[in-house]
Amino acid sequence: MLTAPGSGIPEESTVASQVISSLTFRFLVAIDIEGFSQRSAAQQARSQEDLECVMADAAASAGLDRQLWYRQPRGDDELAVLPADANGVSLVADYPRSFASALAEINHSTSRDSRLRVRMAIHHGTVYPGRLGPVGKGPITVSRLVDAQVLRQALRQRTDIDIALIVSAAVYSEIVQSQFNELDPSVFRRTSVKAKGNSFIGYLYHAADTARELKEG
């Protein structure tokens, strides 16, 4: 059972055992700010504030309640574990689209050197409460996917997009292939991610389609 972490950004000292009671399957989302370490301290602080606004707006637009998510902020990224009854279709289809729209609005109102660009990964897998945060294959998989070179490369190659999205094989099979909410399996490309001696299968949202389709839905 998940417990609301309270309003605003949750404290990092929050332990997973307070919001995840046992080994369970959950949807997980990892979001990472691209080029965070290259920014000044002031720009980093602004990026965090902008990202929080974008995540909140996107969740609300997609009909998802972030107050019920276990959220673990980690400086330039966030790991979130959703409640057991989370709407997976809304998360995979609507949340990235709303995120892209909110991100475009933020970037339109800021100077070019403070442009916010992110990598996003979505997974569905096992999670267990740990003293310092969620543990299990779920958090590991989503963290490896969001840090994948293929996702970083997508942002480097397409400077006109602000978000690169990848979903796990489980999410692709369970959600994307359902084709609900106008999900189109053909715009996801299968890729193998190798990290720390392990391989993870992910499906990259085509960079060529991201700017148009994530915004338009």
Protein backbone atom coordinates (compact mmCIF):
# COMPACT_ATOMS: atom_id res chain seq x y z
CA MET A 1 0.00 0.00 0.00
CA LEU A 2 1.30 3.45 -0.89
CA THR A 3 0.96 6.36 1.49
CA ALA A 4 0.90 9.94 0.30
CA PRO A 5 4.33 11.50 0.98
CA GLY A 6 2.76 14.90 1.62
CA SER A 7 2.60 18.06 -0.43
CA GLY A 8 5.56 19.42 -2.34
CA ILE A 9 8.82 17.58 -2.94
CA PRO A 10 9.21 14.63 -0.53
CA GLU A 11 12.18 14.56 1.80
CA GLU A 12 15.00 12.27 0.75
CA SER A 13 14.95 10.72 4.22
CA THR A 14 11.58 9.12 3.46
CA VAL A 15 12.12 5.34 3.48
CA ALA A 16 10.48 3.00 1.00
CA SER A 17 9.10 0.81 3.79
CA GLN A 18 6.69 3.64 4.64
CA VAL A 19 5.04 3.49 1.23
CA ILE A 20 5.71 -0.05 -0.08
CA SER A 21 4.67 -2.81 2.28
CA SER A 22 6.05 -5.93 0.57
CA LEU A 23 7.49 -7.38 -2.62
CA THR A 24 5.07 -6.25 -5.28
CA PHE A 25 4.72 -5.28 -8.94
CA ARG A 26 4.45 -1.57 -9.60
CA PHE A 27 4.87 0.95 -12.37
CA LEU A 28 8.07 2.98 -12.01
CA VAL A 29 9.15 6.19 -13.70
CA ALA A 30 12.68 7.60 -13.81
CA ILE A 31 13.39 11.09 -15.13
CA ASP A 32 16.85 12.61 -15.54
CA ILE A 33 17.85 16.14 -16.50
CA GLU A 34 20.28 16.15 -19.42
CA GLY A 35 23.52 18.10 -18.92
CA PHE A 36 22.75 18.97 -15.31
CA SER A 37 26.38 18.96 -14.11
CA GLN A 38 27.36 21.45 -16.80
CA ARG A 39 25.01 24.10 -15.40
CA SER A 40 25.85 26.71 -12.80
CA ALA A 41 24.42 26.31 -9.30
CA ALA A 42 21.75 28.88 -10.06
CA GLN A 43 20.81 27.10 -13.28
CA GLN A 44 20.71 23.74 -11.48
CA ALA A 45 18.31 25.13 -8.89
CA ARG A 46 16.14 26.61 -11.63
CA SER A 47 16.18 23.31 -13.52
CA GLN A 48 14.96 21.45 -10.44
CA GLU A 49 12.14 23.93 -9.92
CA ASP A 50 11.14 23.78 -13.59
CA LEU A 51 11.21 19.98 -13.59
CA GLU A 52 8.99 19.81 -10.52
CA CYS A 53 6.46 22.12 -12.20
CA VAL A 54 6.50 20.07 -15.40
CA MET A 55 6.08 16.74 -13.57
CA ALA A 56 3.20 18.09 -11.48
CA ASP A 57 1.40 19.63 -14.45
CA ALA A 58 1.89 16.53 -16.61
CA ALA A 59 0.57 14.18 -13.93
CA ALA A 60 -2.48 16.34 -13.31
CA SER A 61 -3.22 16.56 -17.04
CA ALA A 62 -2.92 12.78 -17.35
CA GLY A 63 -5.25 12.19 -14.40
CA LEU A 64 -2.49 10.82 -12.16
CA ASP A 65 -2.16 11.82 -8.50
CA ARG A 66 1.53 12.40 -7.69
CA GLN A 67 0.66 12.76 -4.02
CA LEU A 68 0.20 8.99 -3.99
CA TRP A 69 3.57 8.25 -5.60
CA TYR A 70 6.69 7.27 -3.70
CA ARG A 71 9.19 9.80 -5.01
CA GLN A 72 12.94 9.73 -4.51
CA PRO A 73 14.60 12.97 -5.71
CA ARG A 74 18.29 12.52 -6.46
CA GLY A 75 19.61 15.92 -7.49
CA ASP A 76 19.28 15.85 -11.24
CA ASP A 77 16.74 13.04 -11.43
CA GLU A 78 13.76 11.43 -9.74
CA LEU A 79 12.69 7.83 -9.24
CA ALA A 80 8.97 7.34 -8.67
CA VAL A 81 6.99 4.26 -7.69
CA LEU A 82 3.29 4.46 -8.44
CA PRO A 83 0.44 3.04 -6.33
CA ALA A 84 -0.91 -0.44 -7.00
CA ASP A 85 -4.03 0.88 -8.73
CA ALA A 86 -2.22 3.32 -11.02
CA ASN A 87 -3.63 3.61 -14.54
CA GLY A 88 -0.87 2.17 -16.69
CA VAL A 89 -2.39 3.36 -19.95
CA SER A 90 -2.58 6.95 -18.71
CA LEU A 91 0.99 6.71 -17.45
CA VAL A 92 2.44 5.42 -20.72
CA ALA A 93 0.22 7.19 -23.24
CA ASP A 94 -0.93 10.43 -21.61
CA TYR A 95 1.79 11.32 -19.12
CA PRO A 96 4.67 11.63 -21.67
CA ARG A 97 2.46 13.66 -24.02
CA SER A 98 1.40 16.03 -21.24
CA PHE A 99 5.01 16.15 -20.05
CA ALA A 100 6.24 17.16 -23.50
CA SER A 101 3.64 19.93 -23.74
CA ALA A 102 4.44 21.30 -20.28
CA LEU A 103 8.16 21.09 -21.03
CA ALA A 104 7.73 23.00 -24.29
CA GLU A 105 5.85 25.72 -22.44
CA ILE A 106 8.58 26.02 -19.81
CA ASN A 107 11.32 26.20 -22.43
CA HIS A 108 9.43 28.74 -24.48
CA SER A 109 9.46 31.10 -21.51
CA THR A 110 13.16 30.72 -20.60
CA SER A 111 16.43 31.66 -22.23
CA ARG A 112 18.16 29.17 -24.53
CA ASP A 113 21.08 28.49 -22.16
CA SER A 114 18.69 27.29 -19.45
CA ARG A 115 16.65 25.02 -21.72
CA LEU A 116 15.39 21.96 -19.89
CA ARG A 117 15.85 18.60 -21.65
CA VAL A 118 15.17 15.25 -20.02
CA ARG A 119 15.37 11.50 -20.41
CA MET A 120 12.37 9.43 -19.25
CA ALA A 121 12.06 5.69 -18.63
CA ILE A 122 8.94 3.74 -17.66
CA HIS A 123 8.93 0.17 -16.33
CA HIS A 124 6.62 -2.30 -14.60
CA GLY A 125 8.37 -4.69 -12.27
CA THR A 126 9.08 -5.87 -8.75
CA VAL A 127 9.78 -3.46 -5.90
CA TYR A 128 10.61 -4.13 -2.28
CA PRO A 129 10.91 -1.62 0.60
CA GLY A 130 14.49 -0.80 1.54
CA ARG A 131 15.89 1.35 4.32
CA LEU A 132 17.38 3.87 1.87
CA GLY A 133 14.78 3.54 -0.86
CA PRO A 134 13.06 0.99 -3.11
CA VAL A 135 15.08 -2.09 -4.00
CA GLY A 136 14.59 -4.94 -6.46
CA LYS A 137 14.75 -5.49 -10.19
CA GLY A 138 12.17 -2.79 -10.86
CA PRO A 139 14.21 0.20 -9.66
CA ILE A 140 17.39 -1.22 -11.17
CA THR A 141 15.83 -1.75 -14.59
CA VAL A 142 14.21 1.67 -14.85
CA SER A 143 17.42 3.35 -13.64
CA ARG A 144 19.56 1.54 -16.21
CA LEU A 145 17.12 2.40 -18.99
CA VAL A 146 16.98 6.12 -18.19
CA ASP A 147 20.79 6.22 -18.17
CA ALA A 148 21.13 4.32 -21.46
CA GLN A 149 23.49 5.72 -24.09
CA VAL A 150 20.85 5.25 -26.78
CA LEU A 151 18.62 7.68 -24.90
CA ARG A 152 21.43 10.22 -24.51
CA GLN A 153 22.26 9.81 -28.18
CA ALA A 154 18.67 10.56 -29.13
CA LEU A 155 18.93 13.97 -27.47
CA ARG A 156 22.34 14.67 -29.01
CA GLN A 157 21.14 13.82 -32.50
CA ARG A 158 17.87 15.70 -32.29
CA THR A 159 18.55 19.12 -30.80
CA ASP A 160 14.98 20.15 -31.64
CA ILE A 161 13.43 17.78 -29.07
CA ASP A 162 13.38 18.18 -25.30
CA ILE A 163 12.42 14.68 -24.16
CA ALA A 164 13.71 11.20 -25.00
CA LEU A 165 11.47 8.34 -23.90
CA ILE A 166 12.18 4.65 -23.43
CA VAL A 167 9.92 1.94 -22.00
CA SER A 168 10.86 -1.51 -20.79
CA ALA A 169 9.97 -4.72 -22.58
CA ALA A 170 7.28 -5.37 -19.96
CA VAL A 171 5.63 -2.00 -20.55
CA TYR A 172 5.84 -2.39 -24.30
CA SER A 173 4.20 -5.82 -24.13
CA GLU A 174 1.59 -5.02 -21.48
CA ILE A 175 0.66 -1.44 -22.36
CA VAL A 176 2.00 -0.18 -25.69
CA GLN A 177 0.78 -3.19 -27.65
CA SER A 178 -2.71 -2.73 -26.22
CA GLN A 179 -2.98 0.32 -28.51
CA PHE A 180 -5.31 2.05 -26.07
CA ASN A 181 -5.24 5.87 -25.99
CA GLU A 182 -3.77 5.95 -29.49
CA LEU A 183 -0.60 4.11 -28.50
CA ASP A 184 1.22 2.95 -31.63
CA PRO A 185 3.72 0.08 -31.24
CA SER A 186 5.30 0.93 -34.61
CA VAL A 187 6.85 4.15 -33.27
CA PHE A 188 8.87 2.27 -30.65
CA ARG A 189 12.20 0.70 -31.61
CA ARG A 190 13.57 -2.31 -29.75
CA THR A 191 17.03 -1.79 -28.30
CA SER A 192 19.41 -3.63 -25.98
CA VAL A 193 20.92 -1.68 -23.11
CA LYS A 194 24.08 -3.05 -21.50
CA ALA A 195 25.11 -1.75 -18.10
CA LYS A 196 27.28 -3.14 -15.30
CA GLY A 197 27.52 -6.58 -16.85
CA ASN A 198 23.80 -6.96 -17.49
CA SER A 199 21.55 -6.48 -20.51
CA PHE A 200 18.16 -4.79 -20.44
CA ILE A 201 15.67 -4.71 -23.31
CA GLY A 202 13.96 -1.40 -23.91
CA TYR A 203 11.81 0.20 -26.57
CA LEU A 204 12.89 3.68 -27.61
CA TYR A 205 10.28 6.11 -28.78
CA HIS A 206 11.50 7.11 -32.24
CA ALA A 207 13.43 10.38 -31.98
CA ALA A 208 12.15 11.33 -35.43
CA ASP A 209 8.57 11.13 -34.17
CA THR A 210 9.00 12.48 -30.65
CA ALA A 211 8.66 16.20 -31.33
CA ARG A 212 5.47 15.76 -33.32
CA GLU A 213 3.69 12.82 -31.74
CA LEU A 214 4.42 13.34 -28.04
CA LYS A 215 3.07 16.88 -28.28
CA GLU A 216 0.14 16.13 -30.53
CA GLY A 217 -0.77 12.72 -29.15
